[in-house]
Protein backbone atom coordinates (compact mmCIF):
# COMPACT_ATOMS: atom_id res chain seq x y z
CA MET A 1 160.74 -20.72 -71.11
CA ASN A 2 163.18 -19.53 -68.89
CA GLY A 3 165.71 -22.19 -68.73
CA ILE A 4 163.49 -25.38 -69.20
CA ARG A 5 164.34 -26.79 -72.43
CA ASN A 6 163.44 -29.25 -74.96
CA PHE A 7 166.43 -31.41 -76.62
CA ALA A 8 166.90 -32.57 -79.76
CA LEU A 9 163.32 -31.54 -81.11
CA THR A 10 162.54 -32.42 -84.91
CA GLU A 11 161.96 -29.26 -87.42
CA LYS A 12 158.40 -30.49 -87.26
CA GLN A 13 158.65 -30.34 -83.25
CA LYS A 14 160.40 -27.10 -83.37
CA MET A 15 157.41 -25.13 -85.40
CA ILE A 16 155.00 -27.36 -83.23
CA ALA A 17 156.60 -25.28 -80.08
CA LYS A 18 157.19 -22.45 -81.57
CA LYS A 19 153.41 -21.94 -82.25
CA ALA A 20 152.55 -23.38 -79.03
CA GLU A 21 154.67 -20.98 -77.11
CA GLU A 22 152.87 -17.97 -78.94
CA LEU A 23 149.52 -19.18 -78.17
CA ALA A 24 150.63 -19.82 -74.75
CA THR A 25 151.71 -16.22 -74.50
CA VAL A 26 148.19 -14.65 -75.21
CA PHE A 27 146.90 -17.59 -73.02
CA SER A 28 148.04 -16.29 -69.99
CA LYS A 29 146.37 -12.78 -70.14
CA ARG A 30 143.00 -14.54 -70.10
CA ALA A 31 143.86 -17.39 -67.92
CA ALA A 32 142.77 -15.45 -65.28
CA HIS A 33 139.95 -13.86 -65.85
CA TYR A 34 138.47 -16.99 -67.11
CA ASP A 35 139.23 -18.39 -63.54
CA ARG A 36 137.77 -16.63 -62.06
CA VAL A 37 134.20 -16.30 -63.71
CA ALA A 38 134.74 -20.13 -64.65
CA GLU A 39 134.22 -19.25 -68.08
CA PHE A 40 134.91 -21.60 -70.90
CA PRO A 41 137.97 -20.11 -73.09
CA PHE A 42 135.87 -19.55 -76.16
CA ARG A 43 138.27 -16.85 -77.45
CA ASN A 44 141.60 -19.41 -76.85
CA PHE A 45 139.52 -22.01 -78.78
CA GLN A 46 139.40 -19.85 -81.48
CA ASP A 47 142.95 -18.96 -81.79
CA ILE A 48 143.92 -22.89 -81.82
CA LYS A 49 141.52 -23.18 -84.39
CA HIS A 50 142.46 -20.69 -86.26
CA ALA A 51 146.59 -22.53 -85.33
CA GLY A 52 145.30 -25.39 -87.09
CA PHE A 53 146.04 -27.79 -84.41
CA LEU A 54 142.48 -29.42 -84.01
CA ASP A 55 143.82 -31.97 -86.71
CA LEU A 56 147.31 -32.34 -84.87
CA THR A 57 147.18 -35.99 -83.95
CA ILE A 58 144.59 -37.70 -86.97
CA PRO A 59 146.57 -39.63 -89.27
CA SER A 60 148.08 -38.45 -92.30
CA ARG A 61 146.00 -40.87 -94.24
CA TYR A 62 142.18 -38.99 -93.52
CA GLY A 63 143.80 -35.59 -94.20
CA GLY A 64 145.59 -34.61 -90.58
CA GLN A 65 148.94 -33.96 -89.42
CA GLY A 66 149.57 -37.04 -88.40
CA ALA A 67 151.31 -35.87 -84.83
CA GLY A 68 153.29 -38.81 -82.76
CA LEU A 69 152.50 -38.72 -78.92
CA TYR A 70 156.18 -37.05 -78.40
CA ASP A 71 154.55 -34.06 -80.60
CA PHE A 72 151.26 -34.15 -78.97
CA LEU A 73 152.69 -33.94 -75.44
CA LEU A 74 155.15 -31.26 -76.14
CA LEU A 75 151.65 -29.00 -77.73
CA GLN A 76 150.10 -30.21 -74.29
CA GLU A 77 152.79 -28.90 -71.71
CA THR A 78 153.64 -25.34 -73.61
CA LEU A 79 149.93 -24.75 -74.31
CA ALA A 80 149.46 -25.23 -70.32
CA GLN A 81 152.35 -22.76 -69.47
CA GLY A 82 149.75 -20.18 -70.98
CA ASP A 83 147.09 -21.80 -68.96
CA GLY A 84 145.92 -25.18 -68.09
CA PRO A 85 142.42 -25.58 -68.18
CA THR A 86 142.50 -24.99 -71.79
CA ALA A 87 145.57 -27.50 -72.55
CA LEU A 88 143.35 -29.95 -70.66
CA SER A 89 140.86 -29.35 -72.53
CA LEU A 90 142.23 -29.64 -75.51
CA GLY A 91 144.02 -32.87 -74.60
CA TRP A 92 141.09 -34.94 -74.45
CA HIS A 93 140.09 -33.99 -78.04
CA LEU A 94 143.47 -34.47 -79.77
CA GLY A 95 143.86 -37.85 -77.14
CA ILE A 96 140.76 -39.36 -78.66
CA LEU A 97 141.42 -38.81 -82.10
CA MET A 98 144.76 -40.76 -81.51
CA ASN A 99 143.59 -43.36 -79.57
CA VAL A 100 140.97 -44.40 -82.26
CA SER A 101 143.31 -44.63 -85.18
CA ILE A 102 145.93 -46.48 -82.58
CA TYR A 103 143.49 -49.27 -81.94
CA ASN A 104 140.76 -49.02 -84.71
CA SER A 105 138.18 -49.00 -82.11
CA TRP A 106 135.29 -47.55 -84.50
CA GLN A 107 134.75 -48.12 -88.16
CA GLU A 108 137.04 -47.00 -90.62
CA SER A 109 133.54 -45.03 -92.25
CA ILE A 110 132.56 -43.38 -89.48
CA TYR A 111 135.61 -42.56 -87.80
CA LYS A 112 136.85 -41.33 -91.54
CA GLN A 113 133.52 -38.95 -91.30
CA ILE A 114 134.57 -37.80 -88.33
CA CYS A 115 138.20 -36.77 -89.29
CA LYS A 116 136.67 -34.94 -92.04
CA GLU A 117 134.66 -33.08 -90.20
CA ILE A 118 137.31 -31.68 -88.04
CA ILE A 119 139.15 -30.93 -90.80
CA GLN A 120 136.80 -28.72 -92.70
CA GLU A 121 134.72 -27.55 -89.71
CA ASN A 122 136.71 -27.35 -86.73
CA LYS A 123 134.39 -28.84 -84.71
CA LEU A 124 135.30 -30.69 -81.45
CA ILE A 125 135.11 -34.33 -79.66
CA ASN A 126 135.15 -35.91 -76.55
CA SER A 127 134.07 -38.57 -74.68
CA ALA A 128 131.32 -38.29 -71.14
CA HIS A 129 132.08 -41.64 -69.18
CA SER A 130 131.91 -40.41 -65.94
CA GLU A 131 128.40 -40.71 -63.95
CA ALA A 132 127.38 -40.20 -60.09
CA LYS A 133 127.01 -42.94 -59.08
CA THR A 134 129.33 -45.35 -60.76
CA GLY A 135 132.68 -42.78 -59.82
CA SER A 136 135.48 -43.01 -62.39
CA PRO A 137 134.87 -45.72 -65.51
CA ALA A 138 138.11 -46.83 -64.61
CA ARG A 139 137.17 -48.76 -61.46
CA GLY A 140 134.37 -50.86 -63.56
CA GLY A 141 131.18 -49.45 -62.34
CA LYS A 142 128.33 -49.77 -65.23
CA PRO A 143 126.50 -47.03 -66.47
CA ILE A 144 123.16 -46.07 -65.14
CA THR A 145 122.99 -44.55 -68.50
CA THR A 146 120.81 -47.01 -70.76
CA ALA A 147 120.33 -47.82 -74.84
CA LYS A 148 116.90 -49.34 -75.77
CA LYS A 149 117.76 -51.06 -79.00
CA MET A 150 114.21 -50.40 -81.14
CA PRO A 151 112.32 -52.69 -83.65
CA ASN A 152 113.95 -50.52 -86.36
CA GLY A 153 117.62 -49.95 -85.14
CA GLU A 154 117.32 -47.65 -83.96
CA TRP A 155 118.54 -46.61 -79.96
CA ILE A 156 116.77 -45.01 -77.12
CA ILE A 157 119.36 -43.50 -74.78
CA ASN A 158 119.08 -42.23 -71.39
CA GLY A 159 121.53 -41.09 -68.56
CA ARG A 160 123.29 -38.33 -67.07
CA LYS A 161 127.11 -37.84 -67.13
CA ASN A 162 129.27 -35.49 -65.27
CA PHE A 163 132.93 -34.26 -65.83
CA THR A 164 132.08 -33.14 -68.96
CA SER A 165 134.79 -30.91 -69.95
CA LEU A 166 134.60 -28.98 -72.87
CA ALA A 167 130.96 -28.97 -72.69
CA PRO A 168 129.97 -25.33 -74.31
CA VAL A 169 131.53 -26.56 -77.50
CA LEU A 170 131.68 -29.83 -78.15
CA ASP A 171 130.45 -31.32 -81.42
CA PHE A 172 130.07 -34.72 -80.63
CA PHE A 173 129.80 -36.51 -77.14
CA ILE A 174 131.43 -40.55 -76.68
CA ILE A 175 128.79 -41.77 -74.24
CA SER A 176 129.00 -45.14 -72.20
CA ALA A 177 125.58 -46.87 -71.81
CA SER A 178 124.32 -50.30 -70.03
CA ILE A 179 122.13 -52.08 -73.68
CA GLU A 180 118.97 -53.24 -71.61
CA ASN A 181 117.97 -56.64 -71.47
CA THR A 182 121.73 -57.59 -72.30
CA GLU A 183 124.61 -57.47 -69.66
CA ASP A 184 126.66 -55.80 -72.48
CA VAL A 185 127.52 -51.88 -72.19
CA GLY A 186 128.39 -49.75 -75.72
CA GLU A 187 130.21 -47.34 -76.57
CA PHE A 188 127.85 -44.80 -78.41
CA LEU A 189 128.74 -41.26 -80.66
CA LEU A 190 126.41 -38.88 -79.75
CA LYS A 191 125.93 -35.50 -81.48
CA ARG A 192 125.05 -32.18 -80.56
CA GLU A 193 122.19 -31.43 -82.36
CA TRP A 194 120.29 -34.62 -81.67
CA SER A 195 117.00 -33.55 -79.80
CA GLY A 196 117.43 -35.12 -76.15
CA ILE A 197 120.61 -33.15 -75.96
CA SER A 198 121.45 -30.75 -73.63
CA ILE A 199 124.22 -29.44 -70.96
CA GLU A 200 123.78 -28.34 -67.03
CA GLU A 201 126.05 -26.04 -65.50
CA THR A 202 127.07 -27.54 -62.73
CA TRP A 203 130.60 -27.65 -62.77
CA ASN A 204 131.91 -25.70 -59.61
CA SER A 205 135.41 -26.76 -58.97
CA MET A 206 138.20 -24.81 -57.04
CA SER A 207 140.50 -26.02 -59.50
CA MET A 208 140.37 -26.76 -63.82
CA ARG A 209 137.66 -24.40 -63.53
CA ALA A 210 137.48 -22.93 -67.07
CA THR A 211 137.42 -26.22 -68.42
CA ARG A 212 133.39 -26.49 -67.99
CA SER A 213 133.27 -30.04 -67.17
CA ASP A 214 129.20 -29.75 -66.79
CA ASP A 215 126.98 -32.48 -66.79
CA LEU A 216 125.16 -34.47 -70.15
CA LEU A 217 121.92 -34.83 -69.90
CA ILE A 218 120.76 -37.30 -72.17
CA ASN A 219 116.42 -37.30 -72.04
CA GLU A 220 114.79 -39.61 -74.88
CA VAL A 221 117.60 -39.24 -77.08
CA THR A 222 116.82 -41.65 -80.68
CA ALA A 223 120.07 -42.15 -81.84
CA PRO A 224 120.66 -44.29 -85.43
CA GLN A 225 122.13 -47.90 -85.34
CA GLU A 226 125.73 -46.95 -86.67
CA ALA A 227 125.95 -44.83 -83.15
CA LEU A 228 126.77 -47.61 -81.53
CA LEU A 229 130.96 -47.75 -82.21
CA TYR A 230 131.34 -51.17 -80.19
CA VAL A 231 130.36 -53.55 -77.20
CA LYS A 232 133.30 -53.25 -74.79
CA LYS A 233 134.51 -56.20 -73.74
CA LYS A 234 136.39 -58.10 -70.40
CA GLU A 235 140.33 -57.96 -71.62
CA THR A 236 143.35 -57.44 -71.09
CA PRO A 237 143.72 -53.60 -70.95
CA LYS A 238 145.31 -51.70 -73.79
CA PRO A 239 148.33 -49.35 -73.11
CA GLN A 240 146.46 -45.74 -73.14
CA GLY A 241 149.70 -43.80 -74.38
CA TRP A 242 147.35 -40.60 -74.92
CA LEU A 243 146.56 -40.21 -71.61
CA LEU A 244 150.29 -38.57 -71.44
CA HIS A 245 148.41 -35.64 -72.02
CA ILE A 246 147.33 -35.25 -68.76
CA PRO A 247 150.74 -35.05 -67.24
CA ALA A 248 152.19 -33.13 -69.99
CA CYS A 249 149.62 -30.78 -68.35
CA TYR A 250 150.28 -30.62 -65.54
CA LEU A 251 153.83 -30.60 -66.37
CA GLY A 252 153.17 -27.04 -68.21
CA ILE A 253 151.65 -25.34 -65.15
CA ALA A 254 154.26 -26.63 -62.98
CA ILE A 255 157.01 -25.18 -65.09
CA SER A 256 154.60 -21.37 -65.26
CA ALA A 257 154.70 -21.62 -61.21
CA ARG A 258 158.91 -22.05 -61.43
CA ASN A 259 159.05 -19.43 -63.75
CA GLU A 260 157.03 -16.88 -61.90
CA ALA A 261 159.12 -18.20 -58.28
CA ILE A 262 161.94 -17.02 -60.11
CA ARG A 263 161.06 -13.87 -61.40
CA PHE A 264 159.89 -12.72 -58.43
CA ALA A 265 163.19 -14.22 -56.66
CA GLU A 266 165.53 -12.02 -59.23
CA THR A 267 163.24 -8.47 -58.61
CA TYR A 268 162.46 -8.72 -54.96
CA GLN A 269 164.94 -7.19 -52.63
CA PRO A 270 163.47 -6.40 -48.85
CA ASN A 271 165.09 -3.45 -46.88
CA SER A 272 166.67 -5.75 -44.51
CA LEU A 273 169.06 -7.32 -47.54
CA PRO A 274 171.95 -5.64 -49.52
CA HIS A 275 170.54 -7.93 -52.93
CA PRO A 276 167.62 -9.33 -54.20
CA ILE A 277 166.52 -12.72 -52.51
CA LYS A 278 167.84 -15.00 -55.23
CA ASN A 279 171.67 -14.79 -53.32
CA VAL A 280 169.33 -15.92 -50.88
CA PRO A 281 171.32 -20.13 -50.23
CA LYS A 282 167.67 -21.17 -49.08
CA VAL A 283 165.86 -19.76 -52.06
CA ARG A 284 168.80 -21.35 -54.55
CA ASP A 285 168.35 -24.42 -53.18
CA ARG A 286 164.56 -24.24 -53.51
CA VAL A 287 165.27 -23.17 -57.12
CA ALA A 288 167.30 -26.20 -58.01
CA LYS A 289 165.04 -27.98 -55.99
CA MET A 290 162.10 -27.04 -58.28
CA ASP A 291 164.40 -27.47 -61.85
CA LEU A 292 165.90 -31.23 -60.24
CA ASP A 293 162.15 -32.42 -60.04
CA LEU A 294 161.03 -31.00 -63.29
CA ALA A 295 164.08 -32.32 -65.24
CA SER A 296 163.51 -35.55 -63.53
CA ALA A 297 159.72 -35.72 -64.36
CA ARG A 298 159.59 -34.36 -67.80
CA HIS A 299 162.67 -36.42 -69.17
CA PHE A 300 160.87 -39.94 -67.96
CA LEU A 301 157.50 -38.71 -70.11
CA TYR A 302 159.67 -37.65 -73.24
CA SER A 303 161.55 -40.76 -72.83
CA VAL A 304 158.14 -43.28 -72.46
CA ALA A 305 156.90 -40.95 -75.29
CA ARG A 306 159.35 -41.47 -77.41
CA TYR A 307 159.74 -44.76 -77.03
CA TRP A 308 155.82 -44.82 -78.14
CA ASP A 309 156.36 -43.66 -81.17
CA ASP A 310 159.53 -45.77 -81.90
CA LYS A 311 158.59 -49.01 -81.04
CA PRO A 312 154.34 -49.38 -81.68
CA GLU A 313 155.19 -53.37 -81.66
CA GLU A 314 156.43 -52.98 -77.78
CA ARG A 315 153.77 -50.55 -76.69
CA ASP A 316 152.02 -53.70 -74.63
CA GLN A 317 155.11 -53.31 -72.54
CA LEU A 318 154.16 -50.06 -71.43
CA LEU A 319 151.78 -49.74 -69.43
CA GLY A 320 153.40 -50.05 -66.28
CA GLU A 321 155.56 -47.14 -67.67
CA LEU A 322 152.70 -45.14 -69.12
CA ALA A 323 150.91 -45.16 -65.33
CA ALA A 324 153.92 -44.66 -63.51
CA VAL A 325 154.72 -41.20 -65.98
CA LYS A 326 151.03 -39.50 -64.67
CA LEU A 327 151.47 -40.50 -61.13
CA ILE A 328 155.13 -38.96 -60.76
CA ALA A 329 154.67 -36.16 -62.85
CA THR A 330 151.20 -35.24 -61.62
CA ASN A 331 152.75 -35.30 -57.85
CA THR A 332 156.10 -33.51 -58.90
CA ALA A 333 153.68 -30.27 -60.74
CA ILE A 334 152.23 -30.07 -56.57
CA LYS A 335 155.41 -30.07 -55.17
CA VAL A 336 156.82 -27.89 -57.74
CA VAL A 337 154.28 -25.33 -56.91
CA ASP A 338 154.55 -25.46 -53.40
CA GLU A 339 158.22 -24.45 -53.99
CA ALA A 340 157.49 -21.61 -55.92
CA MET A 341 154.64 -20.87 -53.10
CA ARG A 342 156.58 -21.04 -50.39
CA ILE A 343 159.50 -18.60 -52.38
CA VAL A 344 157.18 -15.82 -53.35
CA GLY A 345 155.42 -16.14 -49.75
CA ALA A 346 152.06 -14.87 -48.38
CA GLN A 347 151.88 -12.84 -51.62
CA SER A 348 151.29 -16.22 -53.69
CA LEU A 349 148.01 -16.65 -51.57
CA HIS A 350 146.50 -13.60 -52.81
CA VAL A 351 143.47 -13.96 -55.30
CA ASP A 352 145.18 -12.13 -57.89
CA HIS A 353 148.72 -13.83 -57.76
CA PRO A 354 148.84 -16.81 -60.31
CA LEU A 355 150.77 -18.99 -58.10
CA GLN A 356 147.06 -19.57 -56.35
CA ARG A 357 145.24 -20.39 -59.44
CA TYR A 358 148.75 -22.70 -60.47
CA TYR A 359 148.33 -24.48 -56.58
CA ARG A 360 144.62 -24.99 -57.32
CA ASP A 361 144.82 -26.50 -61.20
CA VAL A 362 147.48 -28.86 -60.29
CA ARG A 363 145.54 -30.80 -57.37
CA ALA A 364 143.21 -31.46 -60.01
CA GLY A 365 145.76 -34.00 -61.57
CA LEU A 366 145.83 -36.19 -58.62
CA HIS A 367 142.12 -37.26 -59.87
CA ASN A 368 142.49 -37.70 -63.33
CA PRO A 369 143.48 -41.46 -64.90
CA PRO A 370 144.82 -43.58 -63.82
CA ALA A 371 144.80 -43.05 -59.64
CA ASP A 372 147.87 -43.26 -57.95
CA GLU A 373 146.66 -46.44 -56.11
CA LEU A 374 145.76 -48.12 -59.24
CA THR A 375 149.39 -47.26 -60.56
CA MET A 376 150.81 -48.49 -57.46
CA ASP A 377 148.62 -51.90 -57.80
CA ILE A 378 149.62 -52.11 -61.37
CA LEU A 379 153.50 -51.77 -60.83
CA ALA A 380 152.76 -54.73 -57.75
CA LYS A 381 150.95 -56.77 -60.12
CA GLN A 382 154.06 -56.78 -62.66
CA ALA A 383 156.60 -56.95 -60.05
CA PHE A 384 155.54 -59.95 -59.06
CA GLU A 385 154.54 -61.73 -62.27
CA GLN A 386 157.48 -60.71 -64.14
CA GLU A 387 161.26 -60.98 -64.00
CA PHE A 388 163.67 -57.39 -64.97
């Protein structure tokens, strides 16, 4: 970790960190290949399954490990130091399982069955809500995807979703669809093996290439009545602590960039100097700035996570802090990678250099929810509606 430390970890958290560090070391050796060919990291996920991380956030009452938010973020940040796309992809799976258990948003029998299949068969789940014509679901667009209820109670679902991370390996898809002849929008659970479910390989992003966030095609899919998880209601947004897996991932990438720059500074000695560039004052200033920015963002991230875990009765008050963590952490990650590239210089732009990959990957954080401008709206609203 080269100077980036986690303080006051429990024995459980130390174990998570140790196993994650071992995986990250292996993932880092594969990351360039997966990025270059935009291939899903199948081997990484086999390793994750073997390490027993797929049930990390499933409550212990359902046979899972019952990890808290702090534990979850520690795993994500550490794995991302090896391969950001792998960590981000895993985060959606683990985060959804955590969020459903916190808010009991599904029928218990359905959630219990999904947990059982994940634990026993290493299955994977993610949501697929975004659509080309609606943009991010966070902005309130109504899905073009439709669900028609048949007289026998079954559903006929048609649509197309983009940004389906984990697409090559998903067993379950959570999708949103407009229910025909109503104003309602429903959340549906679809299984990969159902007829009419397919993936179109459309993912050609410069960032997070190995997430394979391809398009999900839903063509005349017949789903049972219980596929409807719930009907969305217009209500005050609930704090989504699980989404902190996003900033944790990008901070992990930034830590790797920082470490790469330090390794370079310790070993690179141009013939114009009698010592490595680590002794150049400007380089030392840049390193200090990276560590200062990382320390600030990481302490904010983990303090909010600890508060979330320790004070569940006060989670409704964390809406602003959760959004602010994401904004600060993702923008900090971009700044840190930029500083690292300034230390390494033009070599960092070479296609085989890891820093150019980190640079591309952290940019994706700006487009994960919530967007910076939505965070600013939340904070401004809180400022004018409540006293501190």
